[in-house]
């Protein structure tokens, strides 16, 4: 899978404005060959407040955090999520940017994986909390995330993500760039 295909396959829901953020990894060699694209895409997406952030890690694939700033800021503004993140040591009083910086710092770190990333990814707080409590076991459904609460709503949302990624992949196959594919698909969703 090429860099462009990976970004569209994994990041389309955030780039199209239907998910606060997406997280995926790419081998360092693939990233090194494609760094210049991130600079080009940054200017193409910045006006829409969509961002692709590379999170290099030592001796590991590069993580990519793709986010829609408006959706993610709204997600992080939820009082229950703020309380949860505060309990996890996030600087919630310092605002959205400080919370995002803390998350990226934790993702880049060598300590255990920060499972609270689930709330940044738009997963229901109930599912994130129960995933941690049950160490990922005994879920009611597994797809983009492990579901412990409302399976019907989760499956419906996961289907939206799949359709979005597939639609953007088709546009990419037709020769559109990553930014154009995401913008064209997002425009279709609004119309």
N, C-alpha and C. Protein backbone atom coordinates (compact mmCIF):
# COMPACT_ATOMS: atom_id res chain seq x y z
N UNK A 1 0.85 -1.17 0.00
CA UNK A 1 0.00 0.00 0.00
C UNK A 1 0.89 1.24 0.00
N UNK A 2 0.63 2.17 -0.90
CA UNK A 2 1.42 3.40 -0.96
C UNK A 2 1.08 4.31 0.22
N UNK A 3 1.89 5.32 0.41
CA UNK A 3 1.66 6.29 1.48
C UNK A 3 0.29 6.95 1.30
N UNK A 4 0.00 7.40 0.07
CA UNK A 4 -1.28 8.05 -0.22
C UNK A 4 -2.45 7.12 0.09
N UNK A 5 -2.33 5.87 -0.33
CA UNK A 5 -3.40 4.90 -0.09
C UNK A 5 -3.60 4.66 1.41
N UNK A 6 -2.50 4.59 2.15
CA UNK A 6 -2.59 4.36 3.59
C UNK A 6 -3.27 5.54 4.29
N UNK A 7 -2.90 6.76 3.89
CA UNK A 7 -3.50 7.95 4.50
C UNK A 7 -5.00 7.99 4.22
N UNK A 8 -5.38 7.71 2.99
CA UNK A 8 -6.82 7.70 2.64
C UNK A 8 -7.53 6.54 3.33
N UNK A 9 -6.96 5.36 3.28
CA UNK A 9 -7.60 4.18 3.88
C UNK A 9 -7.85 4.38 5.37
N UNK A 10 -6.85 4.92 6.06
CA UNK A 10 -6.94 5.03 7.51
C UNK A 10 -7.43 6.40 8.01
N UNK A 11 -7.16 7.45 7.25
CA UNK A 11 -7.46 8.80 7.73
C UNK A 11 -8.65 9.50 7.12
N UNK A 12 -9.28 8.91 6.10
CA UNK A 12 -10.38 9.57 5.40
C UNK A 12 -11.50 10.07 6.31
N UNK A 13 -11.96 9.29 7.30
CA UNK A 13 -13.06 9.80 8.12
C UNK A 13 -12.76 11.13 8.81
N UNK A 14 -11.53 11.34 9.25
CA UNK A 14 -11.17 12.62 9.87
C UNK A 14 -10.99 13.69 8.80
N UNK A 15 -10.35 13.34 7.68
CA UNK A 15 -10.13 14.31 6.61
C UNK A 15 -11.43 14.77 5.96
N UNK A 16 -12.47 13.94 6.06
CA UNK A 16 -13.78 14.28 5.48
C UNK A 16 -14.73 14.88 6.50
N UNK A 17 -14.29 15.01 7.74
CA UNK A 17 -15.12 15.67 8.75
C UNK A 17 -16.22 14.84 9.36
N UNK A 18 -16.06 13.51 9.38
CA UNK A 18 -17.08 12.68 10.03
C UNK A 18 -16.55 11.97 11.29
N UNK A 19 -15.28 12.20 11.61
CA UNK A 19 -14.67 11.58 12.79
C UNK A 19 -13.67 12.59 13.34
N UNK A 20 -13.57 12.77 14.65
CA UNK A 20 -12.64 13.76 15.19
C UNK A 20 -11.18 13.50 14.81
N UNK A 21 -10.78 12.23 14.82
CA UNK A 21 -9.39 11.93 14.49
C UNK A 21 -9.24 10.46 14.14
N UNK A 22 -8.10 10.16 13.54
CA UNK A 22 -7.73 8.78 13.18
C UNK A 22 -6.27 8.59 13.56
N UNK A 23 -5.90 7.38 13.86
CA UNK A 23 -4.52 7.06 14.24
C UNK A 23 -4.11 5.78 13.52
N UNK A 24 -2.94 5.83 12.89
CA UNK A 24 -2.42 4.64 12.21
C UNK A 24 -0.91 4.76 12.13
N UNK A 25 -0.26 3.66 11.75
CA UNK A 25 1.20 3.67 11.65
C UNK A 25 1.64 3.28 10.25
N UNK A 26 2.82 3.77 9.89
CA UNK A 26 3.43 3.48 8.59
C UNK A 26 4.92 3.23 8.85
N UNK A 27 5.47 2.27 8.12
CA UNK A 27 6.90 1.99 8.26
C UNK A 27 7.73 3.25 8.03
N UNK A 28 8.79 3.40 8.78
CA UNK A 28 9.62 4.60 8.71
C UNK A 28 10.15 4.85 7.30
N UNK A 29 10.52 3.78 6.58
CA UNK A 29 11.06 3.96 5.22
C UNK A 29 10.02 4.59 4.29
N UNK A 30 8.78 4.15 4.42
CA UNK A 30 7.70 4.69 3.58
C UNK A 30 7.48 6.16 3.93
N UNK A 31 7.50 6.46 5.22
CA UNK A 31 7.34 7.85 5.66
C UNK A 31 8.48 8.72 5.14
N UNK A 32 9.73 8.24 5.27
CA UNK A 32 10.89 9.01 4.83
C UNK A 32 10.80 9.37 3.35
N UNK A 33 10.26 8.45 2.54
CA UNK A 33 10.13 8.70 1.10
C UNK A 33 9.00 9.68 0.78
N UNK A 34 8.12 9.92 1.73
CA UNK A 34 6.91 10.70 1.45
C UNK A 34 6.75 11.95 2.31
N UNK A 35 7.77 12.34 3.07
CA UNK A 35 7.67 13.51 3.96
C UNK A 35 7.21 14.76 3.22
N UNK A 36 7.71 14.95 2.01
CA UNK A 36 7.39 16.16 1.25
C UNK A 36 5.88 16.30 1.01
N UNK A 37 5.19 15.17 0.91
CA UNK A 37 3.74 15.21 0.68
C UNK A 37 3.02 15.83 1.87
N UNK A 38 3.49 15.55 3.07
CA UNK A 38 2.85 16.12 4.25
C UNK A 38 2.90 17.64 4.22
N UNK A 39 4.03 18.20 3.78
CA UNK A 39 4.14 19.65 3.69
C UNK A 39 3.14 20.20 2.68
N UNK A 40 3.02 19.53 1.52
CA UNK A 40 2.06 19.96 0.50
C UNK A 40 0.63 19.85 1.04
N UNK A 41 0.34 18.75 1.67
CA UNK A 41 -1.01 18.52 2.16
C UNK A 41 -1.37 19.46 3.30
N UNK A 42 -0.37 19.85 4.09
CA UNK A 42 -0.65 20.75 5.20
C UNK A 42 -1.31 22.03 4.70
N UNK A 43 -0.74 22.62 3.66
CA UNK A 43 -1.33 23.86 3.15
C UNK A 43 -2.69 23.60 2.49
N UNK A 44 -2.86 22.43 1.89
CA UNK A 44 -4.14 22.10 1.23
C UNK A 44 -5.26 21.88 2.26
N UNK A 45 -4.92 21.37 3.43
CA UNK A 45 -5.94 21.05 4.44
C UNK A 45 -6.09 22.12 5.52
N UNK A 46 -5.08 22.97 5.73
CA UNK A 46 -5.09 23.90 6.86
C UNK A 46 -6.30 24.83 6.85
N UNK A 47 -6.73 25.27 5.68
CA UNK A 47 -7.90 26.15 5.61
C UNK A 47 -9.17 25.48 6.11
N UNK A 48 -9.21 24.17 6.04
CA UNK A 48 -10.36 23.40 6.53
C UNK A 48 -10.15 22.90 7.96
N UNK A 49 -9.03 23.31 8.54
CA UNK A 49 -8.67 22.90 9.90
C UNK A 49 -8.58 21.38 10.05
N UNK A 50 -7.98 20.77 9.05
CA UNK A 50 -7.71 19.33 9.08
C UNK A 50 -6.18 19.18 9.07
N UNK A 51 -5.66 18.29 9.89
CA UNK A 51 -4.21 18.18 10.03
C UNK A 51 -3.77 16.72 10.06
N UNK A 52 -2.57 16.50 9.51
CA UNK A 52 -1.93 15.18 9.54
C UNK A 52 -0.61 15.37 10.26
N UNK A 53 -0.49 14.77 11.43
CA UNK A 53 0.71 14.95 12.25
C UNK A 53 1.47 13.63 12.33
N UNK A 54 2.74 13.67 11.96
CA UNK A 54 3.60 12.50 12.09
C UNK A 54 4.15 12.47 13.51
N UNK A 55 4.11 11.29 14.12
CA UNK A 55 4.60 11.12 15.49
C UNK A 55 5.69 10.05 15.44
N UNK A 56 6.94 10.47 15.19
CA UNK A 56 8.03 9.49 15.12
C UNK A 56 8.28 8.86 16.50
N UNK A 57 8.62 7.59 16.47
CA UNK A 57 8.95 6.85 17.68
C UNK A 57 10.24 6.10 17.43
N UNK A 58 11.02 5.92 18.47
CA UNK A 58 12.29 5.23 18.33
C UNK A 58 12.06 3.75 18.09
N UNK A 59 12.72 3.19 17.09
CA UNK A 59 12.66 1.76 16.77
C UNK A 59 11.24 1.24 16.57
N UNK A 60 10.40 2.05 15.95
CA UNK A 60 9.01 1.64 15.72
C UNK A 60 8.47 2.38 14.49
N UNK A 61 7.41 1.86 13.89
CA UNK A 61 6.80 2.59 12.78
C UNK A 61 6.36 3.99 13.22
N UNK A 62 6.24 4.88 12.26
CA UNK A 62 5.81 6.25 12.54
C UNK A 62 4.29 6.26 12.70
N UNK A 63 3.82 6.86 13.78
CA UNK A 63 2.38 7.01 13.98
C UNK A 63 1.91 8.27 13.26
N UNK A 64 0.70 8.23 12.76
CA UNK A 64 0.09 9.40 12.14
C UNK A 64 -1.21 9.69 12.86
N UNK A 65 -1.33 10.91 13.34
CA UNK A 65 -2.55 11.36 13.99
C UNK A 65 -3.19 12.36 13.04
N UNK A 66 -4.30 11.98 12.46
CA UNK A 66 -5.02 12.80 11.50
C UNK A 66 -6.24 13.34 12.23
N UNK A 67 -6.43 14.67 12.20
CA UNK A 67 -7.58 15.19 12.95
C UNK A 67 -8.26 16.37 12.28
N UNK A 68 -9.54 16.47 12.61
CA UNK A 68 -10.38 17.60 12.23
C UNK A 68 -10.44 18.46 13.49
N UNK A 69 -9.80 19.63 13.44
CA UNK A 69 -9.66 20.44 14.65
C UNK A 69 -11.01 20.80 15.26
N UNK A 70 -11.97 21.18 14.44
CA UNK A 70 -13.28 21.57 14.98
C UNK A 70 -13.96 20.41 15.70
N UNK A 71 -13.98 19.24 15.07
CA UNK A 71 -14.62 18.07 15.71
C UNK A 71 -13.86 17.63 16.96
N UNK A 72 -12.54 17.64 16.89
CA UNK A 72 -11.74 17.18 18.03
C UNK A 72 -11.86 18.15 19.20
N UNK A 73 -11.89 19.43 18.89
CA UNK A 73 -12.04 20.43 19.95
C UNK A 73 -13.40 20.27 20.65
N UNK A 74 -14.44 20.02 19.85
CA UNK A 74 -15.77 19.79 20.41
C UNK A 74 -15.77 18.52 21.29
N UNK A 75 -15.13 17.46 20.78
CA UNK A 75 -15.04 16.20 21.53
C UNK A 75 -14.34 16.43 22.87
N UNK A 76 -13.23 17.14 22.84
CA UNK A 76 -12.45 17.38 24.06
C UNK A 76 -13.12 18.38 25.00
N UNK A 77 -14.13 19.09 24.50
CA UNK A 77 -14.85 20.04 25.33
C UNK A 77 -15.97 19.41 26.15
N UNK A 78 -16.31 18.17 25.86
CA UNK A 78 -17.36 17.47 26.61
C UNK A 78 -16.93 17.35 28.07
N UNK A 79 -17.84 17.71 28.98
CA UNK A 79 -17.47 17.76 30.40
C UNK A 79 -17.05 16.39 30.96
N UNK A 80 -17.70 15.32 30.54
CA UNK A 80 -17.32 13.98 31.03
C UNK A 80 -15.95 13.57 30.50
N UNK A 81 -15.67 13.91 29.26
CA UNK A 81 -14.36 13.59 28.68
C UNK A 81 -13.28 14.43 29.33
N UNK A 82 -13.57 15.69 29.60
CA UNK A 82 -12.59 16.55 30.28
C UNK A 82 -12.25 15.98 31.67
N UNK A 83 -13.28 15.55 32.38
CA UNK A 83 -13.06 14.98 33.72
C UNK A 83 -12.20 13.72 33.63
N UNK A 84 -12.52 12.87 32.66
CA UNK A 84 -11.75 11.63 32.45
C UNK A 84 -10.29 11.96 32.12
N UNK A 85 -10.08 12.90 31.19
CA UNK A 85 -8.71 13.25 30.80
C UNK A 85 -7.95 13.91 31.95
N UNK A 86 -8.64 14.68 32.75
CA UNK A 86 -8.00 15.29 33.92
C UNK A 86 -7.51 14.20 34.88
N UNK A 87 -8.34 13.17 35.08
CA UNK A 87 -7.94 12.04 35.94
C UNK A 87 -6.71 11.33 35.37
N UNK A 88 -6.55 11.38 34.05
CA UNK A 88 -5.41 10.74 33.38
C UNK A 88 -4.18 11.65 33.35
N UNK A 89 -4.30 12.85 33.94
CA UNK A 89 -3.16 13.76 34.01
C UNK A 89 -3.03 14.74 32.86
N UNK A 90 -4.08 14.91 32.08
CA UNK A 90 -4.05 15.87 30.97
C UNK A 90 -4.31 17.28 31.50
N UNK A 91 -3.64 18.29 30.92
CA UNK A 91 -3.81 19.67 31.37
C UNK A 91 -5.10 20.30 30.79
N UNK A 92 -6.25 19.84 31.24
CA UNK A 92 -7.51 20.28 30.64
C UNK A 92 -7.76 21.77 30.83
N UNK A 93 -7.32 22.34 31.96
CA UNK A 93 -7.53 23.77 32.19
C UNK A 93 -6.74 24.63 31.21
N UNK A 94 -5.67 24.09 30.67
CA UNK A 94 -4.82 24.84 29.74
C UNK A 94 -5.41 24.89 28.33
N UNK A 95 -6.47 24.12 28.08
CA UNK A 95 -7.14 24.20 26.79
C UNK A 95 -6.82 23.06 25.84
N UNK A 96 -7.51 23.12 24.72
CA UNK A 96 -7.44 22.06 23.71
C UNK A 96 -6.02 21.79 23.24
N UNK A 97 -5.29 22.84 22.86
CA UNK A 97 -3.95 22.65 22.29
C UNK A 97 -3.01 21.95 23.28
N UNK A 98 -3.15 22.28 24.55
CA UNK A 98 -2.31 21.65 25.58
C UNK A 98 -2.66 20.16 25.72
N UNK A 99 -3.95 19.85 25.64
CA UNK A 99 -4.36 18.44 25.73
C UNK A 99 -3.85 17.66 24.52
N UNK A 100 -3.95 18.26 23.34
CA UNK A 100 -3.45 17.61 22.12
C UNK A 100 -1.95 17.40 22.21
N UNK A 101 -1.22 18.40 22.66
CA UNK A 101 0.24 18.27 22.81
C UNK A 101 0.60 17.14 23.77
N UNK A 102 -0.15 17.04 24.85
CA UNK A 102 0.10 15.96 25.83
C UNK A 102 -0.16 14.60 25.20
N UNK A 103 -1.24 14.48 24.44
CA UNK A 103 -1.52 13.20 23.77
C UNK A 103 -0.39 12.83 22.82
N UNK A 104 0.04 13.77 21.99
CA UNK A 104 1.11 13.48 21.02
C UNK A 104 2.40 13.10 21.73
N UNK A 105 2.68 13.77 22.86
CA UNK A 105 3.86 13.43 23.66
C UNK A 105 3.75 11.99 24.18
N UNK A 106 2.58 11.61 24.65
CA UNK A 106 2.38 10.25 25.16
C UNK A 106 2.46 9.22 24.04
N UNK A 107 1.93 9.55 22.88
CA UNK A 107 2.01 8.61 21.75
C UNK A 107 3.46 8.38 21.32
N UNK A 108 4.28 9.43 21.40
CA UNK A 108 5.68 9.32 21.00
C UNK A 108 6.53 8.63 22.06
N UNK A 109 6.05 8.58 23.27
CA UNK A 109 6.83 8.03 24.38
C UNK A 109 7.02 6.54 24.30
N UNK A 110 7.90 6.07 25.17
CA UNK A 110 8.22 4.64 25.19
C UNK A 110 7.48 3.90 26.29
N UNK A 111 6.66 4.61 27.03
CA UNK A 111 5.88 3.95 28.09
C UNK A 111 4.72 3.22 27.45
N UNK A 112 3.85 2.70 28.27
CA UNK A 112 2.71 1.94 27.75
C UNK A 112 1.82 2.83 26.88
N UNK A 113 1.12 2.19 25.97
CA UNK A 113 0.27 2.91 25.03
C UNK A 113 -0.85 3.64 25.78
N UNK A 114 -1.09 4.91 25.45
CA UNK A 114 -2.14 5.67 26.15
C UNK A 114 -3.54 5.33 25.62
N UNK A 115 -4.22 4.40 26.26
CA UNK A 115 -5.52 3.95 25.77
C UNK A 115 -6.58 5.03 25.79
N UNK A 116 -6.32 6.11 26.53
CA UNK A 116 -7.26 7.22 26.51
C UNK A 116 -7.34 7.89 25.14
N UNK A 117 -6.44 7.51 24.24
CA UNK A 117 -6.51 8.03 22.87
C UNK A 117 -7.89 7.76 22.27
N UNK A 118 -8.56 6.73 22.76
CA UNK A 118 -9.89 6.40 22.25
C UNK A 118 -10.87 7.55 22.29
N UNK A 119 -10.82 8.37 23.35
CA UNK A 119 -11.75 9.50 23.40
C UNK A 119 -11.39 10.56 22.36
N UNK A 120 -10.10 10.71 22.06
CA UNK A 120 -9.68 11.64 21.01
C UNK A 120 -10.12 11.12 19.64
N UNK A 121 -10.19 9.80 19.50
CA UNK A 121 -10.60 9.18 18.24
C UNK A 121 -12.12 9.17 18.06
N UNK A 122 -12.83 9.67 19.06
CA UNK A 122 -14.28 9.76 18.95
C UNK A 122 -15.03 8.55 19.45
N UNK A 123 -14.34 7.64 20.10
CA UNK A 123 -15.00 6.46 20.64
C UNK A 123 -15.79 6.86 21.88
N UNK A 124 -16.92 6.20 22.14
CA UNK A 124 -17.69 6.53 23.34
C UNK A 124 -16.86 6.34 24.61
N UNK A 125 -17.00 7.28 25.53
CA UNK A 125 -16.25 7.22 26.78
C UNK A 125 -16.48 5.90 27.50
N UNK A 126 -17.71 5.42 27.50
CA UNK A 126 -18.02 4.14 28.15
C UNK A 126 -17.16 3.01 27.58
N UNK A 127 -16.98 2.99 26.26
CA UNK A 127 -16.19 1.94 25.63
C UNK A 127 -14.71 2.06 25.99
N UNK A 128 -14.21 3.29 26.06
CA UNK A 128 -12.80 3.50 26.41
C UNK A 128 -12.54 3.06 27.85
N UNK A 129 -13.40 3.47 28.76
CA UNK A 129 -13.23 3.14 30.17
C UNK A 129 -13.32 1.63 30.39
N UNK A 130 -14.31 0.99 29.78
CA UNK A 130 -14.46 -0.46 29.97
C UNK A 130 -13.35 -1.25 29.27
N UNK A 131 -12.83 -0.73 28.16
CA UNK A 131 -11.68 -1.37 27.51
C UNK A 131 -10.51 -1.42 28.49
N UNK A 132 -10.26 -0.31 29.17
CA UNK A 132 -9.17 -0.26 30.14
C UNK A 132 -9.43 -1.19 31.32
N UNK A 133 -10.64 -1.15 31.86
CA UNK A 133 -10.98 -1.98 33.02
C UNK A 133 -10.89 -3.47 32.71
N UNK A 134 -11.30 -3.85 31.52
CA UNK A 134 -11.35 -5.27 31.15
C UNK A 134 -10.14 -5.70 30.32
N UNK A 135 -9.15 -4.83 30.24
CA UNK A 135 -7.93 -5.12 29.47
C UNK A 135 -8.25 -5.60 28.05
N UNK A 136 -9.25 -4.99 27.46
CA UNK A 136 -9.61 -5.32 26.08
C UNK A 136 -10.48 -6.55 25.92
N UNK A 137 -10.80 -7.21 27.00
CA UNK A 137 -11.59 -8.44 26.90
C UNK A 137 -13.08 -8.23 27.12
N UNK A 138 -13.83 -9.27 26.83
CA UNK A 138 -15.27 -9.31 27.10
C UNK A 138 -16.06 -8.16 26.48
N UNK A 139 -15.71 -7.79 25.26
CA UNK A 139 -16.48 -6.74 24.59
C UNK A 139 -17.71 -7.36 23.92
N UNK A 140 -18.66 -6.52 23.57
CA UNK A 140 -19.89 -6.99 22.93
C UNK A 140 -19.76 -7.03 21.41
N UNK A 141 -18.81 -6.24 20.87
CA UNK A 141 -18.59 -6.19 19.43
C UNK A 141 -17.21 -5.58 19.20
N UNK A 142 -16.52 -6.02 18.15
CA UNK A 142 -15.21 -5.45 17.82
C UNK A 142 -15.20 -5.05 16.36
N UNK A 143 -14.78 -3.83 16.09
CA UNK A 143 -14.65 -3.31 14.73
C UNK A 143 -13.52 -2.30 14.74
N UNK A 144 -13.82 -1.04 14.46
CA UNK A 144 -12.81 0.01 14.56
C UNK A 144 -12.32 0.13 16.00
N UNK A 145 -13.20 -0.17 16.94
CA UNK A 145 -12.85 -0.20 18.35
C UNK A 145 -13.67 -1.32 19.01
N UNK A 146 -13.32 -1.62 20.25
CA UNK A 146 -14.07 -2.64 20.99
C UNK A 146 -15.24 -1.95 21.68
N UNK A 147 -16.42 -2.50 21.44
CA UNK A 147 -17.66 -1.88 21.92
C UNK A 147 -18.16 -2.63 23.16
N UNK A 148 -18.42 -1.87 24.20
CA UNK A 148 -18.95 -2.41 25.45
C UNK A 148 -20.35 -1.87 25.72
N UNK A 149 -20.71 -0.80 25.04
CA UNK A 149 -22.00 -0.15 25.26
C UNK A 149 -22.96 -0.41 24.12
N UNK A 150 -23.35 0.64 23.43
CA UNK A 150 -24.39 0.60 22.40
C UNK A 150 -23.85 0.03 21.09
N UNK A 151 -24.05 -1.24 20.88
CA UNK A 151 -23.54 -1.93 19.68
C UNK A 151 -24.20 -1.39 18.42
N UNK A 152 -25.50 -1.16 18.45
CA UNK A 152 -26.21 -0.68 17.26
C UNK A 152 -25.64 0.66 16.78
N UNK A 153 -25.50 1.61 17.69
CA UNK A 153 -24.96 2.92 17.33
C UNK A 153 -23.52 2.80 16.84
N UNK A 154 -22.73 1.96 17.50
CA UNK A 154 -21.33 1.79 17.12
C UNK A 154 -21.21 1.20 15.72
N UNK A 155 -21.99 0.18 15.43
CA UNK A 155 -21.93 -0.45 14.10
C UNK A 155 -22.34 0.54 13.01
N UNK A 156 -23.34 1.33 13.30
CA UNK A 156 -23.81 2.35 12.34
C UNK A 156 -22.68 3.36 12.06
N UNK A 157 -22.00 3.79 13.11
CA UNK A 157 -20.89 4.74 12.95
C UNK A 157 -19.73 4.09 12.20
N UNK A 158 -19.41 2.87 12.53
CA UNK A 158 -18.32 2.17 11.85
C UNK A 158 -18.62 2.01 10.36
N UNK A 159 -19.86 1.77 10.03
CA UNK A 159 -20.25 1.65 8.62
C UNK A 159 -20.04 2.97 7.88
N UNK A 160 -20.34 4.08 8.53
CA UNK A 160 -20.08 5.40 7.93
C UNK A 160 -18.58 5.56 7.63
N UNK A 161 -17.74 5.13 8.57
CA UNK A 161 -16.30 5.24 8.38
C UNK A 161 -15.84 4.39 7.20
N UNK A 162 -16.36 3.16 7.11
CA UNK A 162 -15.98 2.26 6.01
C UNK A 162 -16.40 2.83 4.67
N UNK A 163 -17.61 3.34 4.58
CA UNK A 163 -18.12 3.91 3.33
C UNK A 163 -17.29 5.13 2.93
N UNK A 164 -16.94 5.95 3.89
CA UNK A 164 -16.12 7.14 3.62
C UNK A 164 -14.75 6.73 3.08
N UNK A 165 -14.09 5.80 3.74
CA UNK A 165 -12.76 5.35 3.28
C UNK A 165 -12.84 4.75 1.89
N UNK A 166 -13.86 3.94 1.64
CA UNK A 166 -14.01 3.31 0.32
C UNK A 166 -14.27 4.36 -0.75
N UNK A 167 -15.11 5.34 -0.45
CA UNK A 167 -15.39 6.40 -1.41
C UNK A 167 -14.16 7.21 -1.74
N UNK A 168 -13.37 7.53 -0.75
CA UNK A 168 -12.13 8.29 -0.97
C UNK A 168 -11.10 7.45 -1.73
N UNK A 169 -11.03 6.16 -1.43
CA UNK A 169 -10.09 5.29 -2.17
C UNK A 169 -10.45 5.25 -3.65
N UNK A 170 -11.74 5.21 -3.96
CA UNK A 170 -12.18 5.22 -5.37
C UNK A 170 -11.76 6.51 -6.06
N UNK A 171 -11.91 7.62 -5.39
CA UNK A 171 -11.49 8.91 -5.96
C UNK A 171 -9.98 8.96 -6.15
N UNK A 172 -9.24 8.39 -5.20
CA UNK A 172 -7.78 8.32 -5.32
C UNK A 172 -7.39 7.48 -6.53
N UNK A 173 -8.09 6.35 -6.74
CA UNK A 173 -7.81 5.48 -7.89
C UNK A 173 -8.08 6.20 -9.21
N UNK A 174 -9.00 7.16 -9.19
CA UNK A 174 -9.32 7.92 -10.40
C UNK A 174 -8.31 9.02 -10.67
N UNK A 175 -7.30 9.14 -9.80
CA UNK A 175 -6.22 10.09 -10.04
C UNK A 175 -6.25 11.34 -9.19
N UNK A 176 -7.21 11.47 -8.30
CA UNK A 176 -7.24 12.65 -7.44
C UNK A 176 -6.17 12.52 -6.36
N UNK A 177 -5.66 13.66 -5.92
CA UNK A 177 -4.70 13.66 -4.81
C UNK A 177 -5.45 13.37 -3.51
N UNK A 178 -4.72 13.12 -2.45
CA UNK A 178 -5.33 12.88 -1.15
C UNK A 178 -6.22 14.05 -0.73
N UNK A 179 -5.71 15.31 -0.78
CA UNK A 179 -6.59 16.42 -0.38
C UNK A 179 -7.83 16.55 -1.27
N UNK A 180 -7.67 16.41 -2.57
CA UNK A 180 -8.84 16.54 -3.46
C UNK A 180 -9.84 15.41 -3.26
N UNK A 181 -9.36 14.20 -3.06
CA UNK A 181 -10.26 13.07 -2.83
C UNK A 181 -11.07 13.29 -1.56
N UNK A 182 -10.41 13.71 -0.49
CA UNK A 182 -11.11 13.94 0.78
C UNK A 182 -12.10 15.09 0.65
N UNK A 183 -11.69 16.16 0.02
CA UNK A 183 -12.58 17.32 -0.12
C UNK A 183 -13.77 17.00 -1.01
N UNK A 184 -13.55 16.29 -2.09
CA UNK A 184 -14.65 15.95 -2.98
C UNK A 184 -15.63 15.02 -2.28
N UNK A 185 -15.12 14.03 -1.57
CA UNK A 185 -16.02 13.11 -0.86
C UNK A 185 -16.80 13.86 0.23
N UNK A 186 -16.11 14.72 0.98
CA UNK A 186 -16.77 15.47 2.05
C UNK A 186 -17.87 16.36 1.48
N UNK A 187 -17.61 16.94 0.33
CA UNK A 187 -18.61 17.81 -0.31
C UNK A 187 -19.85 16.99 -0.69
N UNK A 188 -19.63 15.78 -1.18
CA UNK A 188 -20.74 14.88 -1.53
C UNK A 188 -21.60 14.57 -0.31
N UNK A 189 -20.96 14.41 0.83
CA UNK A 189 -21.69 14.07 2.06
C UNK A 189 -22.58 15.21 2.52
N UNK A 190 -22.17 16.44 2.24
CA UNK A 190 -22.92 17.62 2.67
C UNK A 190 -24.10 17.87 1.74
N UNK A 191 -23.93 17.57 0.46
CA UNK A 191 -24.97 17.86 -0.53
C UNK A 191 -26.17 16.96 -0.40
